Amino acid sequence: MRYLTIIITLAIATQAHAEPIDPTDIRVIDGDTIRVYHQQPNVRLVGFNPPETRNAACDAEAGLGAKATRRLRDLIRAGNLEFQYVRCSCPSGTEGTVSCNYGRDCGTLRSNGRDVGAILIEEGLAVPFVCGAAVVPTLSEATEV
């Protein structure tokens, strides 16, 4: 039931002010990080956490992380995307630094009207991500920048 609540929250929270974006304007870095409009900083997609690819604890995690990354690429290639920058939940003054999401901005991405994080969670390629003080916000905590 908790996952269903989080998935519904992901869907509702990203509907407000997301803007259409072309798939060619997004580069996938890993299962929860994208580069938007070919510019730094990268964007941490909020509300979910896929397995790691670069600093995986084991080969199995790296394999699952690669699968999540491929799935995110597939969702983006399919088009009909909407992207929105959101405020990170990092302590004041740390946004844009290594202390806040390794210098990444925060954002949401929808594919065909559905949050990509919710899709990855439903497919078993990610888990809901509840943030701490120095990491990304849940979608219900995120507000438009």
N, C-alpha and C. Protein backbone atom coordinates (compact mmCIF):
# COMPACT_ATOMS: atom_id res chain seq x y z
N MET A 1 0.83 -1.20 0.00
CA MET A 1 0.00 0.00 0.00
C MET A 1 0.87 1.26 0.00
N ARG A 2 2.00 1.20 0.72
CA ARG A 2 2.88 2.36 0.77
C ARG A 2 3.41 2.71 -0.61
N TYR A 3 3.80 1.67 -1.40
CA TYR A 3 4.29 1.92 -2.75
C TYR A 3 3.22 2.56 -3.62
N LEU A 4 1.98 2.11 -3.48
CA LEU A 4 0.88 2.69 -4.25
C LEU A 4 0.71 4.16 -3.91
N THR A 5 0.80 4.50 -2.63
CA THR A 5 0.69 5.90 -2.21
C THR A 5 1.81 6.73 -2.81
N ILE A 6 3.02 6.20 -2.80
CA ILE A 6 4.16 6.93 -3.36
C ILE A 6 4.00 7.10 -4.86
N ILE A 7 3.55 6.06 -5.55
CA ILE A 7 3.37 6.14 -6.99
C ILE A 7 2.29 7.18 -7.33
N ILE A 8 1.21 7.20 -6.59
CA ILE A 8 0.17 8.20 -6.82
C ILE A 8 0.72 9.60 -6.56
N THR A 9 1.50 9.75 -5.50
CA THR A 9 2.12 11.04 -5.19
C THR A 9 3.04 11.47 -6.32
N LEU A 10 3.84 10.52 -6.86
CA LEU A 10 4.72 10.84 -7.98
C LEU A 10 3.92 11.37 -9.16
N ALA A 11 2.82 10.72 -9.46
CA ALA A 11 2.00 11.10 -10.61
C ALA A 11 1.36 12.47 -10.42
N ILE A 12 0.82 12.72 -9.26
CA ILE A 12 0.13 13.98 -8.99
C ILE A 12 1.11 15.14 -8.91
N ALA A 13 2.21 14.95 -8.21
CA ALA A 13 3.15 16.05 -7.96
C ALA A 13 3.82 16.55 -9.22
N THR A 14 3.95 15.71 -10.24
CA THR A 14 4.66 16.16 -11.43
C THR A 14 3.74 16.73 -12.49
N GLN A 15 2.44 16.79 -12.25
CA GLN A 15 1.53 17.25 -13.28
C GLN A 15 1.42 18.77 -13.36
N ALA A 16 1.78 19.47 -12.33
CA ALA A 16 1.48 20.89 -12.23
C ALA A 16 2.15 21.76 -13.29
N HIS A 17 3.48 21.80 -13.37
CA HIS A 17 4.15 22.78 -14.21
C HIS A 17 5.23 22.19 -15.10
N ALA A 18 5.13 20.94 -15.42
CA ALA A 18 6.12 20.32 -16.29
C ALA A 18 5.96 20.86 -17.70
N GLU A 19 7.08 20.99 -18.41
CA GLU A 19 7.09 21.50 -19.78
C GLU A 19 7.51 20.40 -20.74
N PRO A 20 6.95 20.38 -21.94
CA PRO A 20 7.37 19.40 -22.94
C PRO A 20 8.86 19.53 -23.23
N ILE A 21 9.51 18.41 -23.50
CA ILE A 21 10.92 18.40 -23.86
C ILE A 21 11.15 17.31 -24.89
N ASP A 22 12.00 17.60 -25.85
CA ASP A 22 12.30 16.65 -26.91
C ASP A 22 13.31 15.61 -26.40
N PRO A 23 13.16 14.35 -26.78
CA PRO A 23 14.10 13.32 -26.34
C PRO A 23 15.56 13.64 -26.68
N THR A 24 15.79 14.36 -27.77
CA THR A 24 17.17 14.70 -28.14
C THR A 24 17.79 15.73 -27.21
N ASP A 25 16.97 16.36 -26.36
CA ASP A 25 17.47 17.35 -25.40
C ASP A 25 17.82 16.72 -24.06
N ILE A 26 17.74 15.40 -23.97
CA ILE A 26 18.04 14.70 -22.71
C ILE A 26 19.10 13.63 -22.97
N ARG A 27 20.11 13.61 -22.12
CA ARG A 27 21.11 12.54 -22.15
C ARG A 27 21.02 11.79 -20.82
N VAL A 28 20.89 10.48 -20.88
CA VAL A 28 20.81 9.67 -19.67
C VAL A 28 22.23 9.40 -19.16
N ILE A 29 22.46 9.71 -17.89
CA ILE A 29 23.75 9.44 -17.25
C ILE A 29 23.68 8.09 -16.55
N ASP A 30 22.63 7.89 -15.76
CA ASP A 30 22.35 6.59 -15.14
C ASP A 30 20.86 6.52 -14.85
N GLY A 31 20.44 5.57 -14.02
CA GLY A 31 19.02 5.34 -13.82
C GLY A 31 18.24 6.45 -13.16
N ASP A 32 18.91 7.42 -12.53
CA ASP A 32 18.21 8.54 -11.91
C ASP A 32 18.84 9.89 -12.20
N THR A 33 19.76 9.94 -13.16
CA THR A 33 20.45 11.19 -13.48
C THR A 33 20.42 11.42 -14.99
N ILE A 34 20.04 12.65 -15.36
CA ILE A 34 20.01 13.04 -16.77
C ILE A 34 20.73 14.37 -16.95
N ARG A 35 21.11 14.65 -18.18
CA ARG A 35 21.61 15.97 -18.54
C ARG A 35 20.55 16.58 -19.45
N VAL A 36 20.13 17.79 -19.12
CA VAL A 36 19.04 18.46 -19.84
C VAL A 36 19.62 19.57 -20.70
N TYR A 37 19.19 19.63 -21.95
CA TYR A 37 19.64 20.64 -22.92
C TYR A 37 21.15 20.66 -23.06
N HIS A 38 21.79 19.50 -22.86
CA HIS A 38 23.24 19.33 -23.05
C HIS A 38 24.06 20.27 -22.18
N GLN A 39 23.52 20.63 -21.01
CA GLN A 39 24.22 21.56 -20.13
C GLN A 39 24.40 20.97 -18.74
N GLN A 40 25.48 21.38 -18.10
CA GLN A 40 25.70 21.04 -16.69
C GLN A 40 24.96 22.08 -15.85
N PRO A 41 24.61 21.82 -14.62
CA PRO A 41 24.82 20.55 -13.94
C PRO A 41 23.80 19.50 -14.38
N ASN A 42 24.14 18.24 -14.12
CA ASN A 42 23.20 17.16 -14.37
C ASN A 42 22.01 17.30 -13.43
N VAL A 43 20.95 16.54 -13.69
CA VAL A 43 19.72 16.61 -12.91
C VAL A 43 19.44 15.26 -12.26
N ARG A 44 19.26 15.26 -10.94
CA ARG A 44 18.86 14.07 -10.19
C ARG A 44 17.34 14.02 -10.23
N LEU A 45 16.80 12.97 -10.84
CA LEU A 45 15.35 12.79 -10.86
C LEU A 45 14.90 12.34 -9.48
N VAL A 46 13.89 12.97 -8.93
CA VAL A 46 13.51 12.77 -7.54
C VAL A 46 12.43 11.71 -7.36
N GLY A 47 12.38 11.16 -6.15
CA GLY A 47 11.30 10.27 -5.74
C GLY A 47 11.58 8.79 -5.88
N PHE A 48 12.71 8.43 -6.45
CA PHE A 48 13.03 7.01 -6.64
C PHE A 48 14.54 6.81 -6.63
N ASN A 49 14.95 5.57 -6.41
CA ASN A 49 16.37 5.26 -6.36
C ASN A 49 16.61 3.92 -7.04
N PRO A 50 17.23 3.91 -8.22
CA PRO A 50 17.58 2.65 -8.87
C PRO A 50 18.90 2.12 -8.33
N PRO A 51 19.25 0.88 -8.63
CA PRO A 51 20.55 0.36 -8.20
C PRO A 51 21.69 1.18 -8.83
N GLU A 52 22.81 1.20 -8.15
CA GLU A 52 23.98 1.94 -8.63
C GLU A 52 24.60 1.24 -9.83
N THR A 53 25.25 2.02 -10.68
CA THR A 53 25.99 1.45 -11.79
C THR A 53 27.49 1.64 -11.60
N ARG A 54 27.89 2.82 -11.20
CA ARG A 54 29.33 3.12 -11.08
C ARG A 54 29.93 2.66 -9.76
N ASN A 55 29.23 2.82 -8.68
CA ASN A 55 29.75 2.44 -7.36
C ASN A 55 28.92 1.32 -6.76
N ALA A 56 28.58 0.35 -7.58
CA ALA A 56 27.75 -0.76 -7.13
C ALA A 56 28.50 -1.60 -6.11
N ALA A 57 27.75 -2.14 -5.16
CA ALA A 57 28.35 -2.98 -4.11
C ALA A 57 28.73 -4.36 -4.64
N CYS A 58 28.11 -4.79 -5.75
CA CYS A 58 28.40 -6.11 -6.31
C CYS A 58 28.00 -6.13 -7.79
N ASP A 59 28.37 -7.20 -8.47
CA ASP A 59 28.04 -7.32 -9.89
C ASP A 59 26.53 -7.34 -10.13
N ALA A 60 25.78 -7.98 -9.24
CA ALA A 60 24.33 -8.05 -9.40
C ALA A 60 23.72 -6.65 -9.37
N GLU A 61 24.17 -5.81 -8.43
CA GLU A 61 23.66 -4.44 -8.37
C GLU A 61 24.03 -3.68 -9.63
N ALA A 62 25.26 -3.83 -10.10
CA ALA A 62 25.68 -3.14 -11.32
C ALA A 62 24.82 -3.57 -12.51
N GLY A 63 24.51 -4.85 -12.59
CA GLY A 63 23.67 -5.34 -13.68
C GLY A 63 22.27 -4.77 -13.63
N LEU A 64 21.69 -4.72 -12.43
CA LEU A 64 20.35 -4.14 -12.28
C LEU A 64 20.37 -2.63 -12.54
N GLY A 65 21.45 -1.98 -12.12
CA GLY A 65 21.58 -0.54 -12.39
C GLY A 65 21.65 -0.27 -13.88
N ALA A 66 22.38 -1.11 -14.60
CA ALA A 66 22.46 -0.96 -16.06
C ALA A 66 21.10 -1.19 -16.70
N LYS A 67 20.35 -2.14 -16.19
CA LYS A 67 19.01 -2.41 -16.72
C LYS A 67 18.09 -1.21 -16.49
N ALA A 68 18.15 -0.60 -15.30
CA ALA A 68 17.35 0.59 -15.01
C ALA A 68 17.74 1.75 -15.93
N THR A 69 19.04 1.89 -16.17
CA THR A 69 19.52 2.95 -17.06
C THR A 69 19.00 2.74 -18.48
N ARG A 70 19.07 1.50 -18.96
CA ARG A 70 18.56 1.19 -20.31
C ARG A 70 17.05 1.47 -20.40
N ARG A 71 16.32 1.12 -19.35
CA ARG A 71 14.87 1.34 -19.36
C ARG A 71 14.56 2.84 -19.39
N LEU A 72 15.31 3.63 -18.62
CA LEU A 72 15.11 5.08 -18.65
C LEU A 72 15.39 5.62 -20.05
N ARG A 73 16.46 5.14 -20.69
CA ARG A 73 16.75 5.55 -22.08
C ARG A 73 15.58 5.20 -23.01
N ASP A 74 15.04 3.99 -22.85
CA ASP A 74 13.91 3.57 -23.69
C ASP A 74 12.70 4.49 -23.49
N LEU A 75 12.41 4.81 -22.24
CA LEU A 75 11.28 5.70 -21.96
C LEU A 75 11.49 7.07 -22.61
N ILE A 76 12.71 7.56 -22.57
CA ILE A 76 13.01 8.87 -23.16
C ILE A 76 12.93 8.80 -24.68
N ARG A 77 13.49 7.76 -25.27
CA ARG A 77 13.44 7.62 -26.74
C ARG A 77 12.00 7.56 -27.26
N ALA A 78 11.09 7.01 -26.45
CA ALA A 78 9.69 6.89 -26.86
C ALA A 78 9.01 8.25 -27.01
N GLY A 79 9.60 9.28 -26.40
CA GLY A 79 9.07 10.64 -26.56
C GLY A 79 7.88 10.94 -25.68
N ASN A 80 7.14 11.98 -26.05
CA ASN A 80 6.01 12.49 -25.27
C ASN A 80 6.44 12.75 -23.83
N LEU A 81 7.47 13.57 -23.68
CA LEU A 81 8.10 13.83 -22.39
C LEU A 81 7.75 15.20 -21.85
N GLU A 82 7.72 15.29 -20.52
CA GLU A 82 7.58 16.57 -19.83
C GLU A 82 8.59 16.59 -18.70
N PHE A 83 9.31 17.71 -18.59
CA PHE A 83 10.36 17.86 -17.58
C PHE A 83 10.08 19.08 -16.73
N GLN A 84 10.46 18.99 -15.45
CA GLN A 84 10.33 20.13 -14.54
C GLN A 84 11.49 20.12 -13.55
N TYR A 85 12.15 21.27 -13.42
CA TYR A 85 13.12 21.44 -12.34
C TYR A 85 12.33 21.60 -11.05
N VAL A 86 12.83 21.02 -9.95
CA VAL A 86 12.22 21.19 -8.64
C VAL A 86 13.31 21.56 -7.64
N ARG A 87 12.89 22.14 -6.54
CA ARG A 87 13.83 22.53 -5.49
C ARG A 87 14.36 21.29 -4.78
N CYS A 88 15.66 21.24 -4.56
CA CYS A 88 16.27 20.16 -3.79
C CYS A 88 16.02 20.41 -2.31
N SER A 89 16.09 19.35 -1.52
CA SER A 89 15.84 19.50 -0.08
C SER A 89 17.14 19.67 0.71
N CYS A 90 18.19 20.05 0.05
CA CYS A 90 19.48 20.23 0.71
C CYS A 90 19.45 21.46 1.62
N PRO A 91 20.33 21.49 2.62
CA PRO A 91 20.40 22.67 3.49
C PRO A 91 20.68 23.93 2.67
N SER A 92 20.12 25.02 3.13
CA SER A 92 20.30 26.31 2.47
C SER A 92 21.78 26.60 2.24
N GLY A 93 22.09 27.07 1.05
CA GLY A 93 23.46 27.44 0.73
C GLY A 93 24.29 26.30 0.16
N THR A 94 23.76 25.07 0.15
CA THR A 94 24.55 23.96 -0.36
C THR A 94 24.15 23.53 -1.77
N GLU A 95 23.00 24.04 -2.28
CA GLU A 95 22.59 23.65 -3.63
C GLU A 95 23.67 24.02 -4.63
N GLY A 96 23.94 23.10 -5.56
CA GLY A 96 24.97 23.32 -6.56
C GLY A 96 26.35 22.90 -6.11
N THR A 97 26.47 22.38 -4.88
CA THR A 97 27.77 21.93 -4.38
C THR A 97 27.77 20.40 -4.25
N VAL A 98 28.95 19.85 -4.05
CA VAL A 98 29.08 18.41 -3.86
C VAL A 98 28.27 17.95 -2.65
N SER A 99 28.09 18.81 -1.68
CA SER A 99 27.33 18.46 -0.48
C SER A 99 25.84 18.29 -0.76
N CYS A 100 25.39 18.75 -1.89
CA CYS A 100 23.96 18.64 -2.27
C CYS A 100 23.87 17.87 -3.57
N ASN A 101 23.58 16.57 -3.46
CA ASN A 101 23.39 15.72 -4.65
C ASN A 101 24.58 15.72 -5.60
N TYR A 102 25.77 15.83 -5.02
CA TYR A 102 26.99 15.83 -5.84
C TYR A 102 26.98 16.92 -6.90
N GLY A 103 26.36 18.05 -6.57
CA GLY A 103 26.32 19.19 -7.47
C GLY A 103 25.21 19.15 -8.51
N ARG A 104 24.35 18.15 -8.44
CA ARG A 104 23.25 18.04 -9.41
C ARG A 104 22.07 18.90 -9.01
N ASP A 105 21.32 19.37 -10.02
CA ASP A 105 20.02 19.97 -9.78
C ASP A 105 19.03 18.84 -9.52
N CYS A 106 17.79 19.18 -9.19
CA CYS A 106 16.74 18.18 -9.00
C CYS A 106 15.62 18.44 -10.00
N GLY A 107 14.96 17.37 -10.42
CA GLY A 107 13.87 17.52 -11.37
C GLY A 107 12.99 16.30 -11.44
N THR A 108 11.92 16.43 -12.23
CA THR A 108 11.01 15.32 -12.49
C THR A 108 10.88 15.17 -14.00
N LEU A 109 10.61 13.95 -14.43
CA LEU A 109 10.44 13.67 -15.85
C LEU A 109 9.26 12.73 -16.02
N ARG A 110 8.36 13.08 -16.92
CA ARG A 110 7.21 12.23 -17.21
C ARG A 110 7.29 11.75 -18.65
N SER A 111 6.90 10.51 -18.84
CA SER A 111 6.82 9.90 -20.16
C SER A 111 5.37 9.46 -20.38
N ASN A 112 4.74 9.97 -21.43
CA ASN A 112 3.33 9.67 -21.69
C ASN A 112 2.46 9.93 -20.46
N GLY A 113 2.76 11.02 -19.75
CA GLY A 113 1.96 11.43 -18.60
C GLY A 113 2.28 10.73 -17.30
N ARG A 114 3.24 9.82 -17.30
CA ARG A 114 3.58 9.07 -16.08
C ARG A 114 5.01 9.38 -15.65
N ASP A 115 5.19 9.55 -14.36
CA ASP A 115 6.53 9.80 -13.83
C ASP A 115 7.42 8.61 -14.12
N VAL A 116 8.62 8.87 -14.65
CA VAL A 116 9.52 7.76 -14.99
C VAL A 116 9.94 6.98 -13.75
N GLY A 117 10.05 7.64 -12.62
CA GLY A 117 10.37 6.94 -11.37
C GLY A 117 9.29 5.95 -10.98
N ALA A 118 8.04 6.36 -11.12
CA ALA A 118 6.93 5.45 -10.81
C ALA A 118 6.96 4.24 -11.73
N ILE A 119 7.31 4.45 -12.99
CA ILE A 119 7.41 3.33 -13.94
C ILE A 119 8.51 2.37 -13.51
N LEU A 120 9.68 2.92 -13.19
CA LEU A 120 10.80 2.07 -12.78
C LEU A 120 10.48 1.32 -11.49
N ILE A 121 9.79 1.97 -10.56
CA ILE A 121 9.39 1.31 -9.31
C ILE A 121 8.44 0.16 -9.62
N GLU A 122 7.43 0.42 -10.43
CA GLU A 122 6.46 -0.62 -10.80
C GLU A 122 7.13 -1.81 -11.46
N GLU A 123 8.17 -1.56 -12.24
CA GLU A 123 8.86 -2.63 -12.97
C GLU A 123 9.95 -3.30 -12.15
N GLY A 124 10.10 -2.90 -10.89
CA GLY A 124 11.09 -3.51 -10.02
C GLY A 124 12.52 -3.05 -10.29
N LEU A 125 12.67 -1.92 -10.97
CA LEU A 125 13.99 -1.41 -11.31
C LEU A 125 14.43 -0.25 -10.42
N ALA A 126 13.61 0.09 -9.44
CA ALA A 126 13.94 1.17 -8.50
C ALA A 126 13.05 1.00 -7.27
N VAL A 127 13.42 1.72 -6.24
CA VAL A 127 12.61 1.76 -5.02
C VAL A 127 12.26 3.21 -4.73
N PRO A 128 11.17 3.45 -4.01
CA PRO A 128 10.87 4.83 -3.60
C PRO A 128 12.03 5.38 -2.78
N PHE A 129 12.29 6.66 -2.92
CA PHE A 129 13.42 7.26 -2.23
C PHE A 129 12.93 8.36 -1.31
N VAL A 130 13.10 8.15 -0.01
CA VAL A 130 12.76 9.14 1.00
C VAL A 130 14.06 9.81 1.39
N CYS A 131 14.09 11.11 1.27
CA CYS A 131 15.33 11.85 1.40
C CYS A 131 15.71 12.18 2.83
N GLY A 132 16.98 12.39 2.99
CA GLY A 132 17.51 12.95 4.22
C GLY A 132 17.73 14.44 4.00
N ALA A 133 18.33 15.08 4.97
CA ALA A 133 18.50 16.53 4.92
C ALA A 133 19.44 16.98 3.80
N ALA A 134 20.36 16.13 3.35
CA ALA A 134 21.36 16.56 2.39
C ALA A 134 21.21 15.87 1.04
N VAL A 135 20.04 15.33 0.76
CA VAL A 135 19.83 14.64 -0.52
C VAL A 135 18.56 15.12 -1.17
N VAL A 136 18.11 14.43 -2.21
CA VAL A 136 16.98 14.91 -3.00
C VAL A 136 15.65 14.78 -2.26
N PRO A 137 14.67 15.63 -2.60
CA PRO A 137 13.38 15.56 -1.92
C PRO A 137 12.49 14.48 -2.52
N THR A 138 11.52 14.05 -1.74
CA THR A 138 10.46 13.25 -2.34
C THR A 138 9.63 14.19 -3.18
N LEU A 139 8.87 13.67 -4.10
CA LEU A 139 8.10 14.56 -4.98
C LEU A 139 7.10 15.40 -4.20
N SER A 140 6.55 14.88 -3.12
CA SER A 140 5.58 15.67 -2.36
C SER A 140 6.26 16.85 -1.67
N GLU A 141 7.56 16.77 -1.43
CA GLU A 141 8.30 17.87 -0.81
C GLU A 141 8.80 18.88 -1.84
N ALA A 142 8.91 18.45 -3.08
CA ALA A 142 9.49 19.29 -4.12
C ALA A 142 8.51 20.39 -4.51
N THR A 143 9.05 21.55 -4.75
CA THR A 143 8.23 22.65 -5.24
C THR A 143 8.90 23.22 -6.47
N GLU A 144 8.13 23.90 -7.26
CA GLU A 144 8.67 24.48 -8.49
C GLU A 144 9.75 25.49 -8.15
N VAL A 145 10.81 25.49 -8.93
CA VAL A 145 11.92 26.43 -8.74
C VAL A 145 11.53 27.76 -9.33
